[in-house]
């Protein structure tokens, strides 16, 4: 059993809400299913609520912590685990490909600060095959967007970006009373599993994501209006896509179809089959 670190006051500038509910912690660990042979990385260990059961299950864990005042307590708390490694720094700038190196793929977990969750997930999705899967505690609203389906109110840029690269599973809701201090919103646990092979492959991924950003720039407008600088109505129709549709009705496959047409430079696309 790890020794306890001194009490740390949560800091608003780091978006800190410390998980305290033992039942929720156990449920998260069961969802992750850590094994001794795996390489786990925890983002923002805080006061070690998840860190301790993960270490007990695997005997090894790497953590990334930005708040330097928490690091001495973590070192004391888990001093008896020789394969406990702390990386002091900002996960938004962390090189996960370099961390993996030539070793096995990383399993990334964390109770993410709400204020950085979306850009951090975008950063992790750029890490390619370095990551085996991700389990995160996020604001429920963000999980709803990640796991949304085309045509629904939550389907948007984040949904397309995540589901292009990953299978997304919304696991369960975590109420505010599970934290200290209590957040003002519900949280949820999400699992992101990168596709072994992409179901739809964009020739130019940067172009795909730029296209998606522009398409969702004004959700109430049609593709004809939002993409008029990219593609005309005739070309959309030739791709089998009605230019009068709104962006939230398009699937990942349809966005990839448009992006690949633009990448080809062919002004006369064939009719989609």
C-alpha atoms as a PDB file:
ATOM      1  CA  UNK A   1       0.000   0.000   0.000  1.00  0.00           C
ATOM      2  CA  UNK A   2       1.362   3.434  -0.935  1.00  0.00           C
ATOM      3  CA  UNK A   3       1.896   6.046   1.744  1.00  0.00           C
ATOM      4  CA  UNK A   4      -0.360   9.086   1.584  1.00  0.00           C
ATOM      5  CA  UNK A   5       0.841  12.420   0.231  1.00  0.00           C
ATOM      6  CA  UNK A   6      -0.049  15.722   1.923  1.00  0.00           C
ATOM      7  CA  UNK A   7      -3.385  17.331   1.059  1.00  0.00           C
ATOM      8  CA  UNK A   8      -3.116  19.562  -1.995  1.00  0.00           C
ATOM      9  CA  UNK A   9      -5.507  22.429  -2.710  1.00  0.00           C
ATOM     10  CA  UNK A  10      -7.095  22.052  -6.161  1.00  0.00           C
ATOM     11  CA  UNK A  11      -6.090  24.825  -8.552  1.00  0.00           C
ATOM     12  CA  UNK A  12      -8.586  26.396 -10.919  1.00  0.00           C
ATOM     13  CA  UNK A  13      -5.909  27.375 -13.444  1.00  0.00           C
ATOM     14  CA  UNK A  14      -5.099  23.686 -13.935  1.00  0.00           C
ATOM     15  CA  UNK A  15      -8.773  22.694 -13.993  1.00  0.00           C
ATOM     16  CA  UNK A  16      -8.229  20.340 -11.064  1.00  0.00           C
ATOM     17  CA  UNK A  17     -11.085  18.242  -9.670  1.00  0.00           C
ATOM     18  CA  UNK A  18      -9.769  15.294  -7.683  1.00  0.00           C
ATOM     19  CA  UNK A  19     -11.605  11.979  -7.922  1.00  0.00           C
ATOM     20  CA  UNK A  20     -12.554  10.610  -4.506  1.00  0.00           C
ATOM     21  CA  UNK A  21     -15.297   7.990  -4.909  1.00  0.00           C
ATOM     22  CA  UNK A  22     -13.830   4.465  -4.369  1.00  0.00           C
ATOM     23  CA  UNK A  23     -16.673   2.794  -6.257  1.00  0.00           C
ATOM     24  CA  UNK A  24     -16.168   4.981  -9.321  1.00  0.00           C
ATOM     25  CA  UNK A  25     -12.399   4.482  -9.166  1.00  0.00           C
ATOM     26  CA  UNK A  26     -12.837   0.686  -9.108  1.00  0.00           C
ATOM     27  CA  UNK A  27     -15.282   0.841 -11.997  1.00  0.00           C
ATOM     28  CA  UNK A  28     -12.848   2.888 -14.087  1.00  0.00           C
ATOM     29  CA  UNK A  29     -10.005   0.478 -13.400  1.00  0.00           C
ATOM     30  CA  UNK A  30     -12.213  -2.479 -14.363  1.00  0.00           C
ATOM     31  CA  UNK A  31     -13.097  -0.706 -17.623  1.00  0.00           C
ATOM     32  CA  UNK A  32      -9.405  -0.169 -18.375  1.00  0.00           C
ATOM     33  CA  UNK A  33      -8.506  -3.759 -17.472  1.00  0.00           C
ATOM     34  CA  UNK A  34      -4.767  -3.149 -16.895  1.00  0.00           C
ATOM     35  CA  UNK A  35      -2.351  -6.097 -17.145  1.00  0.00           C
ATOM     36  CA  UNK A  36       1.235  -6.381 -15.870  1.00  0.00           C
ATOM     37  CA  UNK A  37       2.728  -6.725 -19.364  1.00  0.00           C
ATOM     38  CA  UNK A  38       1.212  -3.474 -20.631  1.00  0.00           C
ATOM     39  CA  UNK A  39       2.672   0.018 -20.750  1.00  0.00           C
ATOM     40  CA  UNK A  40       0.265   2.477 -19.166  1.00  0.00           C
ATOM     41  CA  UNK A  41       0.585   6.261 -19.187  1.00  0.00           C
ATOM     42  CA  UNK A  42      -1.585   8.400 -16.928  1.00  0.00           C
ATOM     43  CA  UNK A  43      -2.143  12.052 -17.778  1.00  0.00           C
ATOM     44  CA  UNK A  44      -2.620  14.272 -14.735  1.00  0.00           C
ATOM     45  CA  UNK A  45      -2.341  11.810 -11.840  1.00  0.00           C
ATOM     46  CA  UNK A  46      -3.230  14.534  -9.338  1.00  0.00           C
ATOM     47  CA  UNK A  47      -3.221  12.957  -5.892  1.00  0.00           C
ATOM     48  CA  UNK A  48      -2.983   9.399  -7.189  1.00  0.00           C
ATOM     49  CA  UNK A  49      -6.600   8.205  -6.968  1.00  0.00           C
ATOM     50  CA  UNK A  50      -6.265   6.195 -10.192  1.00  0.00           C
ATOM     51  CA  UNK A  51      -2.498   5.880  -9.977  1.00  0.00           C
ATOM     52  CA  UNK A  52      -2.556   3.587  -6.959  1.00  0.00           C
ATOM     53  CA  UNK A  53      -4.890   0.868  -8.315  1.00  0.00           C
ATOM     54  CA  UNK A  54      -3.177   1.000 -11.712  1.00  0.00           C
ATOM     55  CA  UNK A  55       0.201   0.462 -10.091  1.00  0.00           C
ATOM     56  CA  UNK A  56      -1.174  -2.338  -7.953  1.00  0.00           C
ATOM     57  CA  UNK A  57      -2.440  -4.054 -11.111  1.00  0.00           C
ATOM     58  CA  UNK A  58       0.629  -3.588 -13.295  1.00  0.00           C
ATOM     59  CA  UNK A  59       3.609  -2.730 -11.090  1.00  0.00           C
ATOM     60  CA  UNK A  60       4.654  -0.120 -13.653  1.00  0.00           C
ATOM     61  CA  UNK A  61       3.231   3.219 -14.713  1.00  0.00           C
ATOM     62  CA  UNK A  62       4.379   6.450 -16.319  1.00  0.00           C
ATOM     63  CA  UNK A  63       2.579   9.672 -15.472  1.00  0.00           C
ATOM     64  CA  UNK A  64       2.605  13.166 -16.964  1.00  0.00           C
ATOM     65  CA  UNK A  65       1.997  15.942 -14.440  1.00  0.00           C
ATOM     66  CA  UNK A  66       2.059  19.696 -15.077  1.00  0.00           C
ATOM     67  CA  UNK A  67       1.554  20.871 -11.479  1.00  0.00           C
ATOM     68  CA  UNK A  68       5.068  20.682 -10.025  1.00  0.00           C
ATOM     69  CA  UNK A  69       3.726  21.042  -6.478  1.00  0.00           C
ATOM     70  CA  UNK A  70       2.061  17.625  -6.796  1.00  0.00           C
ATOM     71  CA  UNK A  71       5.192  15.808  -7.912  1.00  0.00           C
ATOM     72  CA  UNK A  72       7.007  15.514  -4.532  1.00  0.00           C
ATOM     73  CA  UNK A  73       3.876  14.002  -2.981  1.00  0.00           C
ATOM     74  CA  UNK A  74       3.575  11.477  -5.811  1.00  0.00           C
ATOM     75  CA  UNK A  75       7.221  10.484  -5.370  1.00  0.00           C
ATOM     76  CA  UNK A  76       6.670   9.891  -1.658  1.00  0.00           C
ATOM     77  CA  UNK A  77       3.329   8.138  -2.152  1.00  0.00           C
ATOM     78  CA  UNK A  78       4.677   5.622  -4.668  1.00  0.00           C
ATOM     79  CA  UNK A  79       8.326   5.376  -3.642  1.00  0.00           C
ATOM     80  CA  UNK A  80       8.073   1.585  -3.336  1.00  0.00           C
ATOM     81  CA  UNK A  81       7.333   1.125  -7.055  1.00  0.00           C
ATOM     82  CA  UNK A  82      10.679   1.185  -8.924  1.00  0.00           C
ATOM     83  CA  UNK A  83       8.913   1.308 -12.307  1.00  0.00           C
ATOM     84  CA  UNK A  84       6.856   4.375 -11.426  1.00  0.00           C
ATOM     85  CA  UNK A  85       8.113   7.191 -13.686  1.00  0.00           C
ATOM     86  CA  UNK A  86       7.053  10.846 -13.515  1.00  0.00           C
ATOM     87  CA  UNK A  87       7.339  13.115 -16.556  1.00  0.00           C
ATOM     88  CA  UNK A  88       7.003  16.728 -15.484  1.00  0.00           C
ATOM     89  CA  UNK A  89       5.421  18.729 -18.283  1.00  0.00           C
ATOM     90  CA  UNK A  90       2.427  19.689 -20.356  1.00  0.00           C
ATOM     91  CA  UNK A  91       0.611  16.762 -21.993  1.00  0.00           C
ATOM     92  CA  UNK A  92      -0.499  19.118 -24.780  1.00  0.00           C
ATOM     93  CA  UNK A  93       3.142  19.410 -25.846  1.00  0.00           C
ATOM     94  CA  UNK A  94       4.256  15.893 -24.967  1.00  0.00           C
ATOM     95  CA  UNK A  95       5.759  13.671 -27.674  1.00  0.00           C
ATOM     96  CA  UNK A  96       3.932  10.359 -27.276  1.00  0.00           C
ATOM     97  CA  UNK A  97       5.648   8.842 -30.306  1.00  0.00           C
ATOM     98  CA  UNK A  98       9.031   9.472 -28.695  1.00  0.00           C
ATOM     99  CA  UNK A  99       7.779   8.071 -25.385  1.00  0.00           C
ATOM    100  CA  UNK A 100       6.783   4.838 -27.084  1.00  0.00           C
ATOM    101  CA  UNK A 101      10.074   4.582 -28.951  1.00  0.00           C
ATOM    102  CA  UNK A 102      10.578   1.039 -30.231  1.00  0.00           C
ATOM    103  CA  UNK A 103       8.525  -0.490 -27.430  1.00  0.00           C
ATOM    104  CA  UNK A 104       4.950  -1.652 -27.166  1.00  0.00           C
ATOM    105  CA  UNK A 105       2.087   0.719 -27.805  1.00  0.00           C
ATOM    106  CA  UNK A 106       0.881   2.936 -24.985  1.00  0.00           C
ATOM    107  CA  UNK A 107      -2.393   2.679 -23.105  1.00  0.00           C
ATOM    108  CA  UNK A 108      -3.257   6.227 -22.069  1.00  0.00           C
ATOM    109  CA  UNK A 109      -5.625   7.054 -19.201  1.00  0.00           C
ATOM    110  CA  UNK A 110      -6.574  10.115 -17.232  1.00  0.00           C
ATOM    111  CA  UNK A 111      -9.054  12.371 -15.508  1.00  0.00           C
ATOM    112  CA  UNK A 112      -8.585  15.237 -17.949  1.00  0.00           C
ATOM    113  CA  UNK A 113      -9.077  18.898 -17.030  1.00  0.00           C
ATOM    114  CA  UNK A 114     -12.165  20.122 -18.851  1.00  0.00           C
ATOM    115  CA  UNK A 115     -10.380  23.193 -20.172  1.00  0.00           C
ATOM    116  CA  UNK A 116      -7.858  21.190 -22.224  1.00  0.00           C
ATOM    117  CA  UNK A 117      -9.726  17.974 -23.018  1.00  0.00           C
ATOM    118  CA  UNK A 118     -10.594  18.732 -26.652  1.00  0.00           C
ATOM    119  CA  UNK A 119      -7.147  20.012 -27.765  1.00  0.00           C
ATOM    120  CA  UNK A 120      -5.451  17.220 -25.814  1.00  0.00           C
ATOM    121  CA  UNK A 121      -7.501  14.530 -27.554  1.00  0.00           C
ATOM    122  CA  UNK A 122      -6.698  16.183 -30.894  1.00  0.00           C
ATOM    123  CA  UNK A 123      -3.003  16.081 -29.963  1.00  0.00           C
ATOM    124  CA  UNK A 124      -3.186  12.404 -28.973  1.00  0.00           C
ATOM    125  CA  UNK A 125      -4.973  11.490 -32.202  1.00  0.00           C
ATOM    126  CA  UNK A 126      -1.914  12.770 -34.054  1.00  0.00           C
ATOM    127  CA  UNK A 127       0.315  10.220 -32.285  1.00  0.00           C
ATOM    128  CA  UNK A 128      -0.550   7.553 -34.841  1.00  0.00           C
ATOM    129  CA  UNK A 129       0.232   3.965 -33.948  1.00  0.00           C
ATOM    130  CA  UNK A 130       1.971   4.934 -30.685  1.00  0.00           C
ATOM    131  CA  UNK A 131      -1.288   4.470 -28.779  1.00  0.00           C
ATOM    132  CA  UNK A 132      -3.214   1.217 -28.272  1.00  0.00           C
ATOM    133  CA  UNK A 133      -6.209   2.814 -26.554  1.00  0.00           C
ATOM    134  CA  UNK A 134      -7.301   5.699 -24.349  1.00  0.00           C
ATOM    135  CA  UNK A 135      -9.641   5.824 -21.355  1.00  0.00           C
ATOM    136  CA  UNK A 136     -10.567   9.307 -20.207  1.00  0.00           C
ATOM    137  CA  UNK A 137     -12.810  11.029 -17.709  1.00  0.00           C
ATOM    138  CA  UNK A 138     -14.245  14.024 -19.530  1.00  0.00           C
ATOM    139  CA  UNK A 139     -17.088  16.464 -19.273  1.00  0.00           C
ATOM    140  CA  UNK A 140     -20.164  14.474 -20.339  1.00  0.00           C
ATOM    141  CA  UNK A 141     -20.904  17.015 -23.044  1.00  0.00           C
ATOM    142  CA  UNK A 142     -17.545  16.256 -24.662  1.00  0.00           C
ATOM    143  CA  UNK A 143     -18.112  12.493 -24.474  1.00  0.00           C
ATOM    144  CA  UNK A 144     -21.534  12.977 -26.085  1.00  0.00           C
ATOM    145  CA  UNK A 145     -19.843  14.817 -28.956  1.00  0.00           C
ATOM    146  CA  UNK A 146     -17.131  12.189 -29.348  1.00  0.00           C
ATOM    147  CA  UNK A 147     -19.648   9.322 -29.478  1.00  0.00           C
ATOM    148  CA  UNK A 148     -22.341  11.116 -31.504  1.00  0.00           C
ATOM    149  CA  UNK A 149     -23.888   9.819 -34.711  1.00  0.00           C
ATOM    150  CA  UNK A 150     -24.449  11.778 -37.945  1.00  0.00           C
ATOM    151  CA  UNK A 151     -27.679  13.738 -37.957  1.00  0.00           C
ATOM    152  CA  UNK A 152     -27.811  14.254 -34.206  1.00  0.00           C
ATOM    153  CA  UNK A 153     -27.311  17.571 -32.403  1.00  0.00           C
ATOM    154  CA  UNK A 154     -23.930  16.526 -30.954  1.00  0.00           C
ATOM    155  CA  UNK A 155     -22.372  15.452 -34.274  1.00  0.00           C
ATOM    156  CA  UNK A 156     -19.637  17.902 -35.218  1.00  0.00           C
ATOM    157  CA  UNK A 157     -15.996  18.492 -35.958  1.00  0.00           C
ATOM    158  CA  UNK A 158     -14.762  16.606 -32.888  1.00  0.00           C
ATOM    159  CA  UNK A 159     -17.006  13.619 -33.700  1.00  0.00           C
ATOM    160  CA  UNK A 160     -15.637  13.351 -37.246  1.00  0.00           C
ATOM    161  CA  UNK A 161     -12.020  13.803 -36.201  1.00  0.00           C
ATOM    162  CA  UNK A 162     -12.245  11.199 -33.440  1.00  0.00           C
ATOM    163  CA  UNK A 163     -14.281   8.626 -35.342  1.00  0.00           C
ATOM    164  CA  UNK A 164     -12.087   8.908 -38.429  1.00  0.00           C
ATOM    165  CA  UNK A 165      -9.233   7.558 -36.312  1.00  0.00           C
ATOM    166  CA  UNK A 166     -10.923   5.627 -33.504  1.00  0.00           C
ATOM    167  CA  UNK A 167     -13.770   3.505 -32.321  1.00  0.00           C
ATOM    168  CA  UNK A 168     -15.501   5.557 -29.615  1.00  0.00           C
ATOM    169  CA  UNK A 169     -17.338   3.925 -26.694  1.00  0.00           C
ATOM    170  CA  UNK A 170     -19.176   6.012 -24.108  1.00  0.00           C
ATOM    171  CA  UNK A 171     -18.971   3.840 -20.978  1.00  0.00           C
ATOM    172  CA  UNK A 172     -20.734   5.457 -18.000  1.00  0.00           C
ATOM    173  CA  UNK A 173     -21.589   8.757 -16.306  1.00  0.00           C
ATOM    174  CA  UNK A 174     -19.775  10.049 -13.214  1.00  0.00           C
ATOM    175  CA  UNK A 175     -21.742  12.485 -10.994  1.00  0.00           C
ATOM    176  CA  UNK A 176     -20.232  15.694  -9.551  1.00  0.00           C
ATOM    177  CA  UNK A 177     -20.236  14.323  -5.985  1.00  0.00           C
ATOM    178  CA  UNK A 178     -17.482  11.858  -6.944  1.00  0.00           C
ATOM    179  CA  UNK A 179     -14.998  14.786  -6.984  1.00  0.00           C
ATOM    180  CA  UNK A 180     -13.420  17.308  -4.642  1.00  0.00           C
ATOM    181  CA  UNK A 181     -14.127  20.103  -5.386  1.00  0.00           C
ATOM    182  CA  UNK A 182     -17.376  19.256  -7.140  1.00  0.00           C
ATOM    183  CA  UNK A 183     -17.560  20.323 -10.776  1.00  0.00           C
ATOM    184  CA  UNK A 184     -20.745  22.011 -11.952  1.00  0.00           C
ATOM    185  CA  UNK A 185     -21.420  19.400 -14.646  1.00  0.00           C
ATOM    186  CA  UNK A 186     -21.614  15.632 -15.038  1.00  0.00           C
ATOM    187  CA  UNK A 187     -18.577  13.730 -16.253  1.00  0.00           C
ATOM    188  CA  UNK A 188     -18.352  10.513 -18.243  1.00  0.00           C
ATOM    189  CA  UNK A 189     -15.835   7.807 -19.066  1.00  0.00           C
ATOM    190  CA  UNK A 190     -14.975   7.251 -22.724  1.00  0.00           C
ATOM    191  CA  UNK A 191     -12.843   4.636 -24.453  1.00  0.00           C
ATOM    192  CA  UNK A 192     -11.053   5.577 -27.685  1.00  0.00           C
ATOM    193  CA  UNK A 193      -9.548   2.664 -29.605  1.00  0.00           C
ATOM    194  CA  UNK A 194      -7.526   3.611 -32.710  1.00  0.00           C
ATOM    195  CA  UNK A 195      -8.535   1.638 -35.792  1.00  0.00           C
ATOM    196  CA  UNK A 196      -6.053  -1.037 -36.829  1.00  0.00           C
ATOM    197  CA  UNK A 197      -6.931  -0.126 -40.405  1.00  0.00           C
ATOM    198  CA  UNK A 198      -8.861   3.037 -41.167  1.00  0.00           C
ATOM    199  CA  UNK A 199     -12.403   2.245 -42.383  1.00  0.00           C
ATOM    200  CA  UNK A 200     -12.091   5.275 -44.669  1.00  0.00           C
ATOM    201  CA  UNK A 201      -8.689   6.607 -45.703  1.00  0.00           C
ATOM    202  CA  UNK A 202      -8.093  10.239 -46.599  1.00  0.00           C
ATOM    203  CA  UNK A 203      -5.350  10.859 -49.141  1.00  0.00           C
ATOM    204  CA  UNK A 204      -4.525  14.116 -47.343  1.00  0.00           C
ATOM    205  CA  UNK A 205      -5.591  14.122 -43.689  1.00  0.00           C
ATOM    206  CA  UNK A 206      -4.706  17.795 -43.178  1.00  0.00           C
ATOM    207  CA  UNK A 207      -7.039  18.633 -46.050  1.00  0.00           C
ATOM    208  CA  UNK A 208      -9.778  16.428 -44.567  1.00  0.00           C
ATOM    209  CA  UNK A 209      -9.656  18.161 -41.196  1.00  0.00           C
ATOM    210  CA  UNK A 210      -9.507  21.614 -42.784  1.00  0.00           C
ATOM    211  CA  UNK A 211     -12.566  20.690 -44.844  1.00  0.00           C
ATOM    212  CA  UNK A 212     -14.436  19.498 -41.751  1.00  0.00           C
ATOM    213  CA  UNK A 213     -13.544  22.684 -39.872  1.00  0.00           C
ATOM    214  CA  UNK A 214     -14.904  24.815 -42.707  1.00  0.00           C
ATOM    215  CA  UNK A 215     -18.018  22.678 -43.110  1.00  0.00           C
ATOM    216  CA  UNK A 216     -18.930  23.110 -39.448  1.00  0.00           C
ATOM    217  CA  UNK A 217     -18.002  26.803 -39.400  1.00  0.00           C
ATOM    218  CA  UNK A 218     -21.696  27.691 -39.555  1.00  0.00           C
ATOM    219  CA  UNK A 219     -23.773  24.644 -38.675  1.00  0.00           C
ATOM    220  CA  UNK A 220     -27.079  26.078 -39.869  1.00  0.00           C
ATOM    221  CA  UNK A 221     -25.808  26.775 -43.352  1.00  0.00           C
ATOM    222  CA  UNK A 222     -25.725  24.241 -46.151  1.00  0.00           C
ATOM    223  CA  UNK A 223     -22.678  22.607 -47.679  1.00  0.00           C
ATOM    224  CA  UNK A 224     -23.246  24.766 -50.757  1.00  0.00           C
ATOM    225  CA  UNK A 225     -22.608  27.861 -48.635  1.00  0.00           C
ATOM    226  CA  UNK A 226     -19.995  26.601 -46.183  1.00  0.00           C
ATOM    227  CA  UNK A 227     -17.819  24.924 -48.828  1.00  0.00           C
ATOM    228  CA  UNK A 228     -18.302  27.353 -51.701  1.00  0.00           C
ATOM    229  CA  UNK A 229     -14.611  28.223 -51.647  1.00  0.00           C
ATOM    230  CA  UNK A 230     -13.688  24.545 -51.878  1.00  0.00           C
ATOM    231  CA  UNK A 231     -16.174  22.777 -54.123  1.00  0.00           C
ATOM    232  CA  UNK A 232     -19.210  23.717 -56.190  1.00  0.00           C
ATOM    233  CA  UNK A 233     -22.694  22.236 -56.138  1.00  0.00           C
ATOM    234  CA  UNK A 234     -22.233  20.304 -59.358  1.00  0.00           C
ATOM    235  CA  UNK A 235     -19.158  18.515 -58.010  1.00  0.00           C
ATOM    236  CA  UNK A 236     -20.955  17.654 -54.755  1.00  0.00           C
ATOM    237  CA  UNK A 237     -23.863  16.225 -56.711  1.00  0.00           C
ATOM    238  CA  UNK A 238     -21.455  14.176 -58.846  1.00  0.00           C
ATOM    239  CA  UNK A 239     -20.074  12.732 -55.598  1.00  0.00           C
ATOM    240  CA  UNK A 240     -23.607  11.701 -54.604  1.00  0.00           C
ATOM    241  CA  UNK A 241     -23.945  14.403 -51.951  1.00  0.00           C
ATOM    242  CA  UNK A 242     -26.813  16.907 -51.977  1.00  0.00           C
ATOM    243  CA  UNK A 243     -25.295  20.428 -51.653  1.00  0.00           C
ATOM    244  CA  UNK A 244     -28.423  21.510 -49.739  1.00  0.00           C
ATOM    245  CA  UNK A 245     -27.523  19.209 -46.822  1.00  0.00           C
ATOM    246  CA  UNK A 246     -26.134  20.611 -43.602  1.00  0.00           C
ATOM    247  CA  UNK A 247     -22.728  19.454 -42.342  1.00  0.00           C
ATOM    248  CA  UNK A 248     -24.114  17.612 -39.297  1.00  0.00           C
ATOM    249  CA  UNK A 249     -25.873  15.136 -41.625  1.00  0.00           C
ATOM    250  CA  UNK A 250     -22.683  13.923 -43.335  1.00  0.00           C
ATOM    251  CA  UNK A 251     -20.923  10.727 -42.292  1.00  0.00           C
ATOM    252  CA  UNK A 252     -17.164  10.336 -41.903  1.00  0.00           C
ATOM    253  CA  UNK A 253     -17.132   8.423 -45.200  1.00  0.00           C
ATOM    254  CA  UNK A 254     -18.835  11.309 -47.023  1.00  0.00           C
ATOM    255  CA  UNK A 255     -16.368  13.876 -45.667  1.00  0.00           C
ATOM    256  CA  UNK A 256     -13.507  11.612 -46.769  1.00  0.00           C
ATOM    257  CA  UNK A 257     -15.098  11.277 -50.223  1.00  0.00           C
ATOM    258  CA  UNK A 258     -15.163  15.062 -50.646  1.00  0.00           C
ATOM    259  CA  UNK A 259     -11.612  15.478 -49.302  1.00  0.00           C
ATOM    260  CA  UNK A 260     -10.222  12.792 -51.619  1.00  0.00           C
ATOM    261  CA  UNK A 261     -11.891  14.416 -54.602  1.00  0.00           C
ATOM    262  CA  UNK A 262     -10.307  17.754 -53.665  1.00  0.00           C
ATOM    263  CA  UNK A 263      -6.939  16.080 -53.164  1.00  0.00           C
ATOM    264  CA  UNK A 264      -7.135  14.514 -56.643  1.00  0.00           C
ATOM    265  CA  UNK A 265      -7.479  17.880 -58.328  1.00  0.00           C
ATOM    266  CA  UNK A 266     -10.067  16.407 -60.704  1.00  0.00           C
ATOM    267  CA  UNK A 267     -12.735  19.029 -61.477  1.00  0.00           C
ATOM    268  CA  UNK A 268     -15.125  16.353 -62.782  1.00  0.00           C
ATOM    269  CA  UNK A 269     -15.606  13.643 -60.138  1.00  0.00           C
ATOM    270  CA  UNK A 270     -17.267  10.410 -61.116  1.00  0.00           C
ATOM    271  CA  UNK A 271     -20.639   9.631 -59.629  1.00  0.00           C
ATOM    272  CA  UNK A 272     -20.180   7.820 -56.306  1.00  0.00           C
ATOM    273  CA  UNK A 273     -21.208   4.192 -56.254  1.00  0.00           C
END
